[in-house]
Amino acid sequence: MSGVGDELFVYLSTDDEGDSGVIYMETAGAAKIPLVAENRRKAQALQPIAEHLATTMGRTVTLVRFSRRDDLESWEP
């Protein structure tokens, strides 16, 4: 079963105010899809999109790996 384990790969960029955030691609239907992946292979598959967004936004895009998992809360049905 595939899913998020103990690490997460995220493409980030910083705006003019100095705030960093997850970059996203927007579909023709205006759906916003964040560039987040559960492993390095999937993150590399998103790389061409991240490079394109860096060019079109005129901003640096950085791939980061978060590798510490802290489960804060859970809800059960």
Protein backbone atom coordinates (compact mmCIF):
# COMPACT_ATOMS: atom_id res chain seq x y z
CA MET A 1 0.00 0.00 0.00
CA SER A 2 1.38 3.39 -0.99
CA GLY A 3 1.19 6.37 1.29
CA VAL A 4 3.07 8.97 3.26
CA GLY A 5 5.63 7.41 5.56
CA ASP A 6 8.23 9.25 7.60
CA GLU A 7 9.27 11.70 4.92
CA LEU A 8 7.59 14.10 2.54
CA PHE A 9 9.05 15.96 -0.45
CA VAL A 10 7.71 19.44 -1.11
CA TYR A 11 8.50 22.16 -3.65
CA LEU A 12 8.59 25.57 -1.94
CA SER A 13 9.00 29.17 -3.05
CA THR A 14 9.23 32.48 -1.20
CA ASP A 15 7.09 35.52 -2.02
CA ASP A 16 8.02 39.22 -1.92
CA GLU A 17 7.07 39.45 1.77
CA GLY A 18 9.48 36.63 2.67
CA ASP A 19 6.81 34.00 3.30
CA SER A 20 7.58 30.51 2.02
CA GLY A 21 4.87 28.22 0.80
CA VAL A 22 4.11 25.14 -1.24
CA ILE A 23 3.93 25.86 -4.96
CA TYR A 24 1.08 24.43 -6.99
CA MET A 25 0.07 23.93 -10.56
CA GLU A 26 -3.33 25.06 -11.73
CA THR A 27 -5.38 22.95 -14.12
CA ALA A 28 -7.52 24.29 -16.96
CA GLY A 29 -10.50 23.81 -14.65
CA ALA A 30 -8.86 26.03 -11.98
CA ALA A 31 -8.05 23.15 -9.62
CA LYS A 32 -4.89 23.85 -7.62
CA ILE A 33 -2.58 20.84 -7.21
CA PRO A 34 0.26 21.27 -4.68
CA LEU A 35 3.67 19.92 -5.66
CA VAL A 36 4.05 17.41 -2.82
CA ALA A 37 5.32 13.84 -3.13
CA GLU A 38 5.62 10.87 -0.81
CA ASN A 39 9.03 9.73 -2.10
CA ARG A 40 12.03 11.00 -4.06
CA ARG A 41 11.05 9.19 -7.27
CA LYS A 42 7.67 10.92 -7.35
CA ALA A 43 9.27 14.25 -6.45
CA GLN A 44 11.63 13.88 -9.41
CA ALA A 45 8.62 13.25 -11.66
CA LEU A 46 7.28 16.67 -10.59
CA GLN A 47 10.59 18.40 -11.30
CA PRO A 48 9.76 19.55 -14.87
CA ILE A 49 6.61 21.23 -13.55
CA ALA A 50 8.57 22.89 -10.72
CA GLU A 51 11.19 24.14 -13.19
CA HIS A 52 8.48 25.55 -15.47
CA LEU A 53 6.79 27.30 -12.54
CA ALA A 54 10.11 28.81 -11.41
CA THR A 55 10.53 30.30 -14.87
CA THR A 56 6.96 31.57 -15.21
CA MET A 57 6.84 32.96 -11.64
CA GLY A 58 10.34 34.41 -11.85
CA ARG A 59 11.12 32.93 -8.43
CA THR A 60 13.46 30.34 -6.99
CA VAL A 61 11.79 27.00 -6.32
CA THR A 62 13.40 24.63 -3.82
CA LEU A 63 12.74 20.93 -3.28
CA VAL A 64 12.78 20.15 0.44
CA ARG A 65 12.49 16.90 2.33
CA PHE A 66 10.70 16.81 5.65
CA SER A 67 11.85 13.75 7.52
CA ARG A 68 10.40 13.90 10.98
CA ARG A 69 6.89 12.72 11.57
CA ASP A 70 4.94 13.76 14.62
CA ASP A 71 1.36 12.53 14.72
CA LEU A 72 -0.48 15.29 16.56
CA GLU A 73 -4.10 14.16 16.54
CA SER A 74 -6.27 11.40 15.10
CA TRP A 75 -10.00 11.11 14.60
CA GLU A 76 -11.87 7.87 14.28
CA PRO A 77 -15.36 7.38 12.87
